[in-house]
N, C-alpha and C. Protein backbone atom coordinates (compact mmCIF):
# COMPACT_ATOMS: atom_id res chain seq x y z
N MET A 1 -36.43 -9.02 -17.81
CA MET A 1 -36.42 -8.22 -16.60
C MET A 1 -35.26 -8.71 -15.68
N ASP A 2 -35.14 -10.01 -15.52
CA ASP A 2 -34.12 -10.49 -14.64
C ASP A 2 -32.71 -10.07 -15.17
N ASP A 3 -32.50 -10.22 -16.45
CA ASP A 3 -31.17 -9.83 -16.98
C ASP A 3 -30.88 -8.38 -16.73
N GLU A 4 -31.90 -7.52 -16.92
CA GLU A 4 -31.67 -6.10 -16.75
C GLU A 4 -31.33 -5.82 -15.29
N ILE A 5 -32.04 -6.50 -14.40
CA ILE A 5 -31.78 -6.28 -12.93
C ILE A 5 -30.39 -6.78 -12.56
N THR A 6 -30.06 -7.95 -13.05
CA THR A 6 -28.69 -8.49 -12.73
C THR A 6 -27.65 -7.60 -13.34
N ASN A 7 -27.81 -7.14 -14.52
CA ASN A 7 -26.81 -6.27 -15.16
C ASN A 7 -26.70 -5.00 -14.38
N PHE A 8 -27.85 -4.41 -13.96
CA PHE A 8 -27.85 -3.21 -13.19
C PHE A 8 -27.09 -3.42 -11.86
N LEU A 9 -27.40 -4.54 -11.18
CA LEU A 9 -26.80 -4.78 -9.88
C LEU A 9 -25.29 -5.05 -10.07
N LEU A 10 -24.97 -5.78 -11.11
CA LEU A 10 -23.56 -6.09 -11.36
C LEU A 10 -22.78 -4.80 -11.66
N SER A 11 -23.32 -4.01 -12.49
CA SER A 11 -22.67 -2.77 -12.87
C SER A 11 -22.51 -1.86 -11.60
N ARG A 12 -23.52 -1.81 -10.77
CA ARG A 12 -23.39 -1.00 -9.53
C ARG A 12 -22.36 -1.62 -8.61
N TYR A 13 -22.41 -2.92 -8.56
CA TYR A 13 -21.48 -3.64 -7.66
C TYR A 13 -20.01 -3.44 -8.15
N LEU A 14 -19.80 -3.63 -9.45
CA LEU A 14 -18.48 -3.45 -9.96
C LEU A 14 -17.98 -2.01 -9.81
N ARG A 15 -18.89 -1.08 -10.05
CA ARG A 15 -18.50 0.37 -9.89
C ARG A 15 -18.15 0.67 -8.43
N ALA A 16 -18.91 0.02 -7.55
CA ALA A 16 -18.65 0.30 -6.10
C ALA A 16 -17.36 -0.44 -5.65
N VAL A 17 -17.02 -1.55 -6.23
CA VAL A 17 -15.91 -2.34 -5.75
C VAL A 17 -14.62 -1.93 -6.46
N ARG A 18 -14.67 -1.48 -7.69
CA ARG A 18 -13.43 -1.18 -8.39
C ARG A 18 -12.58 -0.05 -7.79
N PRO A 19 -13.16 1.05 -7.35
CA PRO A 19 -12.25 2.14 -6.82
C PRO A 19 -11.39 1.73 -5.61
N PRO A 20 -11.91 1.00 -4.62
CA PRO A 20 -11.02 0.69 -3.50
C PRO A 20 -9.73 -0.08 -3.82
N PRO A 21 -9.83 -1.13 -4.73
CA PRO A 21 -8.53 -1.78 -5.09
C PRO A 21 -7.56 -0.83 -5.79
N GLN A 22 -8.06 0.07 -6.60
CA GLN A 22 -7.21 1.03 -7.28
C GLN A 22 -6.56 1.96 -6.22
N ASN A 23 -7.36 2.41 -5.32
CA ASN A 23 -6.83 3.30 -4.23
C ASN A 23 -5.87 2.58 -3.40
N SER A 24 -6.18 1.28 -3.04
CA SER A 24 -5.31 0.53 -2.18
C SER A 24 -4.01 0.22 -2.89
N ALA A 25 -4.13 -0.02 -4.25
CA ALA A 25 -2.87 -0.26 -5.01
C ALA A 25 -2.00 0.99 -5.02
N LYS A 26 -2.60 2.17 -5.19
CA LYS A 26 -1.84 3.41 -5.15
C LYS A 26 -1.26 3.60 -3.74
N ALA A 27 -2.06 3.31 -2.77
CA ALA A 27 -1.59 3.46 -1.37
C ALA A 27 -0.43 2.48 -1.06
N LYS A 28 -0.55 1.27 -1.62
CA LYS A 28 0.50 0.29 -1.44
C LYS A 28 1.79 0.75 -2.12
N LYS A 29 1.62 1.34 -3.32
CA LYS A 29 2.79 1.85 -4.07
C LYS A 29 3.40 2.96 -3.27
N LEU A 30 2.62 3.90 -2.82
CA LEU A 30 3.19 5.06 -2.05
C LEU A 30 3.70 4.57 -0.70
N GLY A 31 2.85 3.79 0.01
CA GLY A 31 3.24 3.32 1.33
C GLY A 31 4.41 2.36 1.23
N GLY A 32 4.35 1.43 0.23
CA GLY A 32 5.41 0.46 0.10
C GLY A 32 6.73 1.16 -0.30
N GLY A 33 6.65 2.22 -1.13
CA GLY A 33 7.85 2.93 -1.49
C GLY A 33 8.43 3.65 -0.33
N SER A 34 7.52 4.29 0.47
CA SER A 34 8.04 5.04 1.62
C SER A 34 8.58 4.12 2.71
N THR A 35 7.90 3.01 2.97
CA THR A 35 8.37 2.07 3.95
C THR A 35 9.65 1.38 3.48
N ALA A 36 9.71 1.11 2.17
CA ALA A 36 10.90 0.43 1.63
C ALA A 36 12.08 1.35 1.75
N ARG A 37 11.82 2.64 1.56
CA ARG A 37 12.92 3.60 1.63
C ARG A 37 13.27 3.82 3.13
N LYS A 38 12.29 3.81 3.99
CA LYS A 38 12.54 4.06 5.41
C LYS A 38 13.27 2.89 6.11
N SER A 39 12.87 1.67 5.70
CA SER A 39 13.44 0.51 6.40
C SER A 39 14.98 0.46 6.22
N PRO A 40 15.51 0.62 4.97
CA PRO A 40 17.01 0.62 4.90
C PRO A 40 17.65 1.76 5.66
N ILE A 41 17.02 2.91 5.62
CA ILE A 41 17.59 4.08 6.37
C ILE A 41 17.62 3.75 7.83
N ARG A 42 16.55 3.18 8.39
CA ARG A 42 16.53 2.81 9.77
C ARG A 42 17.61 1.82 10.08
N SER A 43 17.77 0.82 9.16
CA SER A 43 18.75 -0.25 9.47
C SER A 43 20.13 0.38 9.39
N THR A 44 20.40 1.29 8.50
CA THR A 44 21.76 1.94 8.43
C THR A 44 21.95 2.78 9.65
N ASN A 45 20.87 3.49 10.08
CA ASN A 45 21.00 4.29 11.30
C ASN A 45 21.30 3.44 12.49
N ASN A 46 20.68 2.28 12.56
CA ASN A 46 20.92 1.36 13.71
C ASN A 46 22.36 0.85 13.62
N GLU A 47 22.81 0.56 12.41
CA GLU A 47 24.18 0.07 12.23
C GLU A 47 25.20 1.15 12.68
N TRP A 48 24.96 2.37 12.22
CA TRP A 48 25.89 3.43 12.60
C TRP A 48 25.85 3.67 14.12
N ARG A 49 24.68 3.60 14.70
CA ARG A 49 24.60 3.80 16.14
C ARG A 49 25.33 2.67 16.84
N MET A 50 25.16 1.49 16.37
CA MET A 50 25.83 0.32 16.99
C MET A 50 27.34 0.46 16.84
N LYS A 51 27.78 0.98 15.65
CA LYS A 51 29.23 1.12 15.43
C LYS A 51 29.81 2.28 16.25
N LYS A 52 28.98 3.35 16.44
CA LYS A 52 29.47 4.53 17.15
C LYS A 52 29.56 4.24 18.64
N THR A 53 28.56 3.45 19.21
CA THR A 53 28.58 3.23 20.65
C THR A 53 29.82 2.49 21.11
N PRO A 54 30.26 1.44 20.41
CA PRO A 54 31.47 0.79 20.92
C PRO A 54 32.74 1.67 20.84
N THR A 55 32.79 2.53 19.78
CA THR A 55 33.96 3.37 19.62
C THR A 55 33.99 4.42 20.73
N HIS A 56 32.87 4.87 21.17
CA HIS A 56 32.85 5.80 22.29
C HIS A 56 33.13 5.07 23.55
């Protein structure tokens, strides 16, 4: 009985816990990709703005 209960609880626990890490990993990939792409663009925009302001 104890083994069945522990297996049942473990299976439910693992099922409940597994989806969030997968979703967070996907979110990190999407978010990391978008932020990684945005940060260089922002830095280049800042560089261009800094270069343009002294020329004007």
